[in-house]
Structures are given as C-alpha cells and as structure tokens.
C-alpha atoms as a PDB file:
ATOM      1  CA  MET A   1       0.000   0.000   0.000  1.00  0.00           C
ATOM      2  CA  SER A   2       1.333   3.478  -0.930  1.00  0.00           C
ATOM      3  CA  ASP A   3       2.259   6.087   1.678  1.00  0.00           C
ATOM      4  CA  TYR A   4      -0.518   8.283   0.294  1.00  0.00           C
ATOM      5  CA  ARG A   5      -3.208   5.644   0.927  1.00  0.00           C
ATOM      6  CA  ARG A   6      -1.863   4.939   4.385  1.00  0.00           C
ATOM      7  CA  LYS A   7      -2.143   8.616   5.302  1.00  0.00           C
ATOM      8  CA  MET A   8      -5.594   8.945   3.794  1.00  0.00           C
ATOM      9  CA  PHE A   9      -7.014   6.011   5.742  1.00  0.00           C
ATOM     10  CA  ARG A  10      -5.491   6.786   9.107  1.00  0.00           C
ATOM     11  CA  GLY A  11      -7.526   8.421  11.863  1.00  0.00           C
ATOM     12  CA  ALA A  12     -10.955   8.208  13.414  1.00  0.00           C
ATOM     13  CA  LYS A  13     -12.683   6.103  10.746  1.00  0.00           C
ATOM     14  CA  ILE A  14     -10.165   3.282  10.925  1.00  0.00           C
ATOM     15  CA  GLU A  15     -10.139   3.540  14.704  1.00  0.00           C
ATOM     16  CA  ASP A  16     -13.943   3.198  14.717  1.00  0.00           C
ATOM     17  CA  CYS A  17     -13.713   0.102  12.494  1.00  0.00           C
ATOM     18  CA  ILE A  18     -11.141  -1.493  14.764  1.00  0.00           C
ATOM     19  CA  LEU A  19     -13.218  -0.822  17.887  1.00  0.00           C
ATOM     20  CA  ASP A  20     -16.354  -2.127  16.148  1.00  0.00           C
ATOM     21  CA  PHE A  21     -14.654  -5.425  15.322  1.00  0.00           C
ATOM     22  CA  ILE A  22     -13.351  -5.682  18.892  1.00  0.00           C
ATOM     23  CA  ASP A  23     -16.900  -5.133  20.196  1.00  0.00           C
ATOM     24  CA  MET A  24     -18.257  -7.784  17.822  1.00  0.00           C
ATOM     25  CA  GLU A  25     -15.634 -10.243  19.029  1.00  0.00           C
ATOM     26  CA  LYS A  26     -16.602  -9.564  22.659  1.00  0.00           C
ATOM     27  CA  GLU A  27     -20.272 -10.077  21.812  1.00  0.00           C
ATOM     28  CA  LEU A  28     -19.402 -13.443  20.261  1.00  0.00           C
ATOM     29  CA  SER A  29     -17.599 -14.400  23.472  1.00  0.00           C
ATOM     30  CA  ARG A  30     -20.739 -13.699  25.494  1.00  0.00           C
ATOM     31  CA  THR A  31     -22.876 -15.745  23.067  1.00  0.00           C
ATOM     32  CA  PHE A  32     -20.351 -18.596  23.142  1.00  0.00           C
ATOM     33  CA  GLU A  33     -21.236 -19.500  26.744  1.00  0.00           C
ATOM     34  CA  THR A  34     -24.825 -20.487  25.903  1.00  0.00           C
ATOM     35  CA  ALA A  35     -24.292 -21.830  22.379  1.00  0.00           C
ATOM     36  CA  GLY A  36     -24.504 -25.466  21.296  1.00  0.00           C
ATOM     37  CA  GLU A  37     -21.506 -27.443  20.087  1.00  0.00           C
ATOM     38  CA  GLN A  38     -22.028 -26.783  16.358  1.00  0.00           C
ATOM     39  CA  GLU A  39     -22.792 -23.108  16.927  1.00  0.00           C
ATOM     40  CA  ARG A  40     -19.665 -22.802  19.075  1.00  0.00           C
ATOM     41  CA  GLN A  41     -17.510 -23.970  16.180  1.00  0.00           C
ATOM     42  CA  LEU A  42     -19.050 -21.297  13.965  1.00  0.00           C
ATOM     43  CA  LEU A  43     -18.653 -18.593  16.634  1.00  0.00           C
ATOM     44  CA  LEU A  44     -15.037 -19.597  17.211  1.00  0.00           C
ATOM     45  CA  GLY A  45     -14.295 -19.220  13.507  1.00  0.00           C
ATOM     46  CA  MET A  46     -15.997 -15.824  13.381  1.00  0.00           C
ATOM     47  CA  SER A  47     -14.086 -14.680  16.466  1.00  0.00           C
ATOM     48  CA  LYS A  48     -10.770 -15.602  14.860  1.00  0.00           C
ATOM     49  CA  ALA A  49     -11.815 -13.810  11.679  1.00  0.00           C
ATOM     50  CA  TYR A  50     -12.594 -10.600  13.589  1.00  0.00           C
ATOM     51  CA  ARG A  51      -9.248 -10.821  15.351  1.00  0.00           C
ATOM     52  CA  LEU A  52      -7.409 -11.265  12.039  1.00  0.00           C
ATOM     53  CA  ILE A  53      -9.216  -8.236  10.595  1.00  0.00           C
ATOM     54  CA  VAL A  54      -8.227  -6.099  13.586  1.00  0.00           C
ATOM     55  CA  ASN A  55      -4.590  -7.156  13.299  1.00  0.00           C
ATOM     56  CA  ARG A  56      -4.621  -6.525   9.537  1.00  0.00           C
ATOM     57  CA  LEU A  57      -6.092  -3.033   9.948  1.00  0.00           C
ATOM     58  CA  VAL A  58      -3.512  -2.159  12.571  1.00  0.00           C
ATOM     59  CA  ARG A  59      -0.668  -3.263  10.296  1.00  0.00           C
ATOM     60  CA  GLU A  60      -1.901  -2.022   6.920  1.00  0.00           C
ATOM     61  CA  PHE A  61      -3.098   1.425   7.898  1.00  0.00           C
ATOM     62  CA  ASP A  62      -0.305   2.403  10.294  1.00  0.00           C
ATOM     63  CA  TYR A  63      -2.799   2.638  13.129  1.00  0.00           C
ATOM     64  CA  PRO A  64      -1.306   4.540  16.117  1.00  0.00           C
ATOM     65  CA  LYS A  65       0.299   2.121  18.558  1.00  0.00           C
ATOM     66  CA  GLY A  66      -1.117   4.037  21.509  1.00  0.00           C
ATOM     67  CA  GLY A  67      -4.668   4.537  20.256  1.00  0.00           C
ATOM     68  CA  ASP A  68      -8.014   3.558  21.722  1.00  0.00           C
ATOM     69  CA  SER A  69      -7.870  -0.019  20.449  1.00  0.00           C
ATOM     70  CA  VAL A  70      -4.613  -0.600  22.344  1.00  0.00           C
ATOM     71  CA  ASN A  71      -6.080   0.974  25.486  1.00  0.00           C
ATOM     72  CA  THR A  72      -9.170  -1.205  25.127  1.00  0.00           C
ATOM     73  CA  LYS A  73      -7.022  -4.336  24.981  1.00  0.00           C
ATOM     74  CA  ILE A  74      -5.046  -3.212  28.024  1.00  0.00           C
ATOM     75  CA  LYS A  75      -8.268  -2.587  29.975  1.00  0.00           C
ATOM     76  CA  GLU A  76      -9.626  -6.019  29.038  1.00  0.00           C
ATOM     77  CA  LEU A  77      -6.404  -7.707  30.136  1.00  0.00           C
ATOM     78  CA  ILE A  78      -6.409  -5.787  33.440  1.00  0.00           C
ATOM     79  CA  SER A  79     -10.018  -6.842  34.060  1.00  0.00           C
ATOM     80  CA  SER A  80      -9.166 -10.478  33.316  1.00  0.00           C
ATOM     81  CA  LEU A  81      -6.129 -10.408  35.619  1.00  0.00           C
ATOM     82  CA  LYS A  82      -8.114  -8.843  38.465  1.00  0.00           C
ATOM     83  CA  ARG A  83     -10.642 -11.659  38.194  1.00  0.00           C
ATOM     84  CA  ARG A  84      -7.893 -14.281  38.174  1.00  0.00           C
ATOM     85  CA  THR A  85      -6.207 -12.626  41.164  1.00  0.00           C
ATOM     86  CA  SER A  86      -9.428 -12.857  43.152  1.00  0.00           C
ATOM     87  CA  GLU A  87      -9.908 -16.497  42.149  1.00  0.00           C
ATOM     88  CA  ALA A  88      -6.324 -17.403  43.077  1.00  0.00           C
ATOM     89  CA  LYS A  89      -6.707 -15.793  46.511  1.00  0.00           C
ATOM     90  CA  GLU A  90      -9.908 -17.728  47.077  1.00  0.00           C
ATOM     91  CA  GLN A  91      -8.307 -20.971  45.933  1.00  0.00           C
ATOM     92  CA  SER A  92      -5.367 -20.456  48.306  1.00  0.00           C
ATOM     93  CA  GLU A  93      -7.802 -20.919  51.192  1.00  0.00           C
ATOM     94  CA  ASN A  94      -9.006 -24.319  49.937  1.00  0.00           C
ATOM     95  CA  THR A  95      -7.356 -27.653  49.249  1.00  0.00           C
ATOM     96  CA  LEU A  96      -7.183 -28.968  45.700  1.00  0.00           C
ATOM     97  CA  THR A  97      -9.473 -31.810  46.744  1.00  0.00           C
ATOM     98  CA  ASP A  98     -12.102 -29.331  47.942  1.00  0.00           C
ATOM     99  CA  LEU A  99     -11.862 -27.390  44.680  1.00  0.00           C
ATOM    100  CA  VAL A 100     -12.216 -30.510  42.554  1.00  0.00           C
ATOM    101  CA  ASN A 101     -15.079 -31.776  44.725  1.00  0.00           C
ATOM    102  CA  GLY A 102     -16.938 -28.602  43.912  1.00  0.00           C
ATOM    103  CA  MET A 103     -16.530 -29.075  40.157  1.00  0.00           C
ATOM    104  CA  TYR A 104     -16.136 -32.451  38.469  1.00  0.00           C
ATOM    105  CA  TYR A 105     -14.670 -34.757  41.092  1.00  0.00           C
ATOM    106  CA  ALA A 106     -16.970 -37.655  40.199  1.00  0.00           C
ATOM    107  CA  ASP A 107     -15.505 -37.784  36.697  1.00  0.00           C
ATOM    108  CA  ILE A 108     -11.885 -38.029  37.832  1.00  0.00           C
ATOM    109  CA  PRO A 109     -10.255 -41.488  37.945  1.00  0.00           C
ATOM    110  CA  GLU A 110      -9.446 -42.870  41.391  1.00  0.00           C
ATOM    111  CA  GLU A 111      -5.716 -42.789  40.625  1.00  0.00           C
ATOM    112  CA  ALA A 112      -5.910 -39.059  39.912  1.00  0.00           C
ATOM    113  CA  LYS A 113      -7.864 -38.460  43.125  1.00  0.00           C
ATOM    114  CA  GLU A 114      -5.144 -40.188  45.101  1.00  0.00           C
ATOM    115  CA  GLU A 115      -2.448 -38.060  43.454  1.00  0.00           C
ATOM    116  CA  ILE A 116      -4.387 -34.871  44.206  1.00  0.00           C
ATOM    117  CA  ALA A 117      -4.720 -35.877  47.851  1.00  0.00           C
ATOM    118  CA  LYS A 118      -0.931 -36.330  48.084  1.00  0.00           C
ATOM    119  CA  VAL A 119      -0.130 -32.738  47.106  1.00  0.00           C
ATOM    120  CA  PRO A 120       0.996 -30.993  50.330  1.00  0.00           C
ATOM    121  CA  GLN A 121      -1.314 -28.215  51.501  1.00  0.00           C
ATOM    122  CA  PRO A 122       1.557 -25.698  52.034  1.00  0.00           C
ATOM    123  CA  LEU A 123       2.626 -26.202  48.394  1.00  0.00           C
ATOM    124  CA  GLN A 124      -0.950 -25.676  47.165  1.00  0.00           C
ATOM    125  CA  LYS A 125      -1.414 -22.533  49.262  1.00  0.00           C
ATOM    126  CA  GLY A 126       1.920 -21.105  48.162  1.00  0.00           C
ATOM    127  CA  LEU A 127       1.164 -21.832  44.506  1.00  0.00           C
ATOM    128  CA  PHE A 128      -2.080 -19.858  44.458  1.00  0.00           C
ATOM    129  CA  GLU A 129      -0.753 -17.020  46.619  1.00  0.00           C
ATOM    130  CA  GLY A 130       2.269 -16.703  44.347  1.00  0.00           C
ATOM    131  CA  MET A 131       0.041 -16.521  41.286  1.00  0.00           C
ATOM    132  CA  ALA A 132      -2.096 -13.817  42.920  1.00  0.00           C
ATOM    133  CA  VAL A 133       0.949 -11.696  43.764  1.00  0.00           C
ATOM    134  CA  GLY A 134       2.377 -12.136  40.266  1.00  0.00           C
ATOM    135  CA  TYR A 135      -0.897 -11.028  38.689  1.00  0.00           C
ATOM    136  CA  GLU A 136      -1.108  -8.015  41.034  1.00  0.00           C
ATOM    137  CA  LYS A 137       2.396  -6.845  40.058  1.00  0.00           C
ATOM    138  CA  ILE A 138       1.528  -7.129  36.358  1.00  0.00           C
ATOM    139  CA  ILE A 139      -1.742  -5.236  36.899  1.00  0.00           C
ATOM    140  CA  ILE A 140       0.258  -2.327  38.357  1.00  0.00           C
ATOM    141  CA  ASP A 141       2.468  -2.264  35.236  1.00  0.00           C
ATOM    142  CA  LEU A 142      -0.569  -2.272  32.940  1.00  0.00           C
ATOM    143  CA  GLU A 143      -2.464   0.384  34.895  1.00  0.00           C
ATOM    144  CA  LEU A 144       0.553   2.702  34.794  1.00  0.00           C
ATOM    145  CA  LEU A 145       0.840   2.109  31.045  1.00  0.00           C
ATOM    146  CA  LEU A 146      -2.885   2.774  30.577  1.00  0.00           C
ATOM    147  CA  GLU A 147      -2.544   6.183  32.272  1.00  0.00           C
ATOM    148  CA  SER A 148       0.535   7.044  30.203  1.00  0.00           C
ATOM    149  CA  SER A 149       0.251   9.590  27.389  1.00  0.00           C
ATOM    150  CA  ASP A 150       2.907   7.787  25.360  1.00  0.00           C
ATOM    151  CA  HIS A 151       1.895   7.401  21.709  1.00  0.00           C
ATOM    152  CA  ASN A 152       3.677   4.067  21.302  1.00  0.00           C
ATOM    153  CA  LYS A 153       2.399   1.901  24.133  1.00  0.00           C
ATOM    154  CA  ILE A 154       3.161  -1.231  22.143  1.00  0.00           C
ATOM    155  CA  ALA A 155       6.878  -0.534  22.627  1.00  0.00           C
ATOM    156  CA  HIS A 156       6.368  -0.525  26.407  1.00  0.00           C
ATOM    157  CA  ILE A 157       4.275  -3.682  26.202  1.00  0.00           C
ATOM    158  CA  GLU A 158       7.119  -5.385  24.324  1.00  0.00           C
ATOM    159  CA  LYS A 159       9.544  -4.301  27.053  1.00  0.00           C
ATOM    160  CA  ASN A 160       7.201  -5.643  29.739  1.00  0.00           C
ATOM    161  CA  ALA A 161       6.910  -8.986  27.932  1.00  0.00           C
ATOM    162  CA  ALA A 162      10.709  -9.243  27.820  1.00  0.00           C
ATOM    163  CA  LYS A 163      10.890  -8.275  31.510  1.00  0.00           C
ATOM    164  CA  TYR A 164       8.357 -10.951  32.471  1.00  0.00           C
ATOM    165  CA  LYS A 165      10.426 -13.587  30.691  1.00  0.00           C
ATOM    166  CA  LYS A 166      13.524 -12.548  32.636  1.00  0.00           C
ATOM    167  CA  ILE A 167      11.630 -12.619  35.935  1.00  0.00           C
ATOM    168  CA  ALA A 168      10.172 -16.061  35.184  1.00  0.00           C
ATOM    169  CA  ASP A 169      13.632 -17.382  34.295  1.00  0.00           C
ATOM    170  CA  MET A 170      15.060 -15.925  37.493  1.00  0.00           C
ATOM    171  CA  LEU A 171      12.320 -17.465  39.631  1.00  0.00           C
ATOM    172  CA  LYS A 172      12.838 -20.836  37.956  1.00  0.00           C
ATOM    173  CA  ASP A 173      16.350 -20.943  39.432  1.00  0.00           C
ATOM    174  CA  LYS A 174      15.065 -20.298  42.963  1.00  0.00           C
ATOM    175  CA  PHE A 175      13.315 -23.624  43.613  1.00  0.00           C
ATOM    176  CA  LYS A 176      13.988 -27.314  43.173  1.00  0.00           C
ATOM    177  CA  GLU A 177      11.548 -29.762  41.597  1.00  0.00           C
ATOM    178  CA  ASP A 178      11.540 -31.996  44.681  1.00  0.00           C
ATOM    179  CA  GLU A 179      10.695 -29.177  47.129  1.00  0.00           C
ATOM    180  CA  ALA A 180       7.079 -29.254  48.321  1.00  0.00           C
ATOM    181  CA  ASP A 181       6.836 -26.435  50.884  1.00  0.00           C
ATOM    182  CA  PHE A 182       5.029 -23.073  50.828  1.00  0.00           C
ATOM    183  CA  ARG A 183       8.080 -21.185  49.527  1.00  0.00           C
ATOM    184  CA  SER A 184       8.510 -23.504  46.571  1.00  0.00           C
ATOM    185  CA  GLY A 185       4.819 -23.303  45.714  1.00  0.00           C
ATOM    186  CA  TYR A 186       4.847 -19.511  46.021  1.00  0.00           C
ATOM    187  CA  ILE A 187       7.808 -19.135  43.672  1.00  0.00           C
ATOM    188  CA  GLN A 188       6.318 -21.545  41.139  1.00  0.00           C
ATOM    189  CA  GLY A 189       2.974 -19.716  41.285  1.00  0.00           C
ATOM    190  CA  GLU A 190       4.522 -16.306  40.665  1.00  0.00           C
ATOM    191  CA  MET A 191       6.677 -17.754  37.884  1.00  0.00           C
ATOM    192  CA  ALA A 192       3.591 -19.265  36.260  1.00  0.00           C
ATOM    193  CA  ALA A 193       1.749 -15.922  36.400  1.00  0.00           C
ATOM    194  CA  TYR A 194       4.543 -14.122  34.560  1.00  0.00           C
ATOM    195  CA  GLY A 195       4.837 -16.888  31.983  1.00  0.00           C
ATOM    196  CA  ILE A 196       1.096 -17.075  31.310  1.00  0.00           C
ATOM    197  CA  VAL A 197       0.631 -13.314  30.949  1.00  0.00           C
ATOM    198  CA  ARG A 198       3.689 -12.980  28.747  1.00  0.00           C
ATOM    199  CA  GLU A 199       2.215 -15.492  26.302  1.00  0.00           C
ATOM    200  CA  GLU A 200      -1.142 -13.693  26.393  1.00  0.00           C
ATOM    201  CA  ILE A 201       0.544 -10.363  25.658  1.00  0.00           C
ATOM    202  CA  GLN A 202       2.298 -11.850  22.651  1.00  0.00           C
ATOM    203  CA  ILE A 203      -1.040 -13.013  21.238  1.00  0.00           C
ATOM    204  CA  ILE A 204      -3.208 -10.026  22.188  1.00  0.00           C
ATOM    205  CA  PHE A 205      -0.788  -7.329  21.016  1.00  0.00           C
ATOM    206  CA  ASN A 206       0.940  -9.327  18.269  1.00  0.00           C
ATOM    207  CA  VAL A 207       4.261  -8.944  20.105  1.00  0.00           C
ATOM    208  CA  LYS A 208       7.215 -10.925  18.773  1.00  0.00           C
ATOM    209  CA  GLU A 209      10.026 -12.542  20.732  1.00  0.00           C
END
C-alpha cells in the first residue's frame, strides 16, 4: 500500500472500524457461553476472523500504537487479571481436593484423586498465593501504562513482555523440583503468572520474541 493511501485512511474512521470489530468479538464471546456445540464452532471461527481483521487493519493502515484499540485491549487484560487474582486468593484458602469436589470430582479417575490428595497443603497454598501476587504486580504495570500519554504503548508492552520472561527465568532458578513447601509453591505460582501473561501479551498485542 502506498504512503498516500496509508495517510488517507489513518484516523478516526479506521479507529472506529477497529473498535467495532473488537466489540463484535466480545459479543461473540458472550454468546459462546450459551451456544450449542455446532454453533460454538461457527462462533469460534468468526471470532478468529474478527481478530485477524483487527490485526490486519492495525498493520496495513499504520494505526497509532497508543490509540483507543490498544487501550481497550489493556483494559480487558487488566479486568481479566483482576478476576484471576481474586480467584487465586480464594483458591489459596481451599485444598485442591475441595476445589475438585466442587466441580467435576466424580468424573476423575481414582488414581488421579489419590495423586491430588498427596499434594501438600503448604505447596498448594503457596502456589495460588504466588500466582495472585504475580498477577497483582503485572496489573500495576498495565495500569501505569494505561494512564501514560505515550503514543507508542506497544513498545512498552514489548519491554514488559521481555521483563516478564527474565523474571520467570530468574524465579525458575530459585526452587527445586523436589521441594514441596510453601516457599517452593509460592515461587512456582509467581513464575507461572509471569509466563502465562507474557504469552497472552504476545497473542493479544501481536508482540514478537
């Protein structure tokens, strides 16, 4: 595409299109919960199509890397992480057996039940508390970025993704596989939080390694 066409198509109209497709994708997500199996397959395909269109518009029309669509994605990720933080804190107060009992315990093989019962409670508690703390630290980063007036927030997101990888690698060296105490669980939980969010960032914001 020529520089002239890129300049002509930049601005509010393209931004509106991008936000419209994001809204349509969110609406599909809400419909997905109550849809049947065949309809879910169709909705999943449509959702991927909307996401591809958004990514294509961002690339082809030189859409500002700090515009409303980026802020919308940041807000959605913050909201998701806050929910996961709350869930992790709640789970830290329960045993894995209690959690599974409340969901699909009857469908789990006896061997798996026995393995779940063997997981030490301090390790379980540390794992979920570590995840909650990791998520909370990332939320702070994202909220600061959201309030920033920087016009290239994607650059900061890329730096954060690289930082999260370094932190996860550092935490990985702080525990041993055979340790089963609270400290080990905590470190593994925080490491998992950084690793999970880093992968999400790469997908959501089309960030490369």
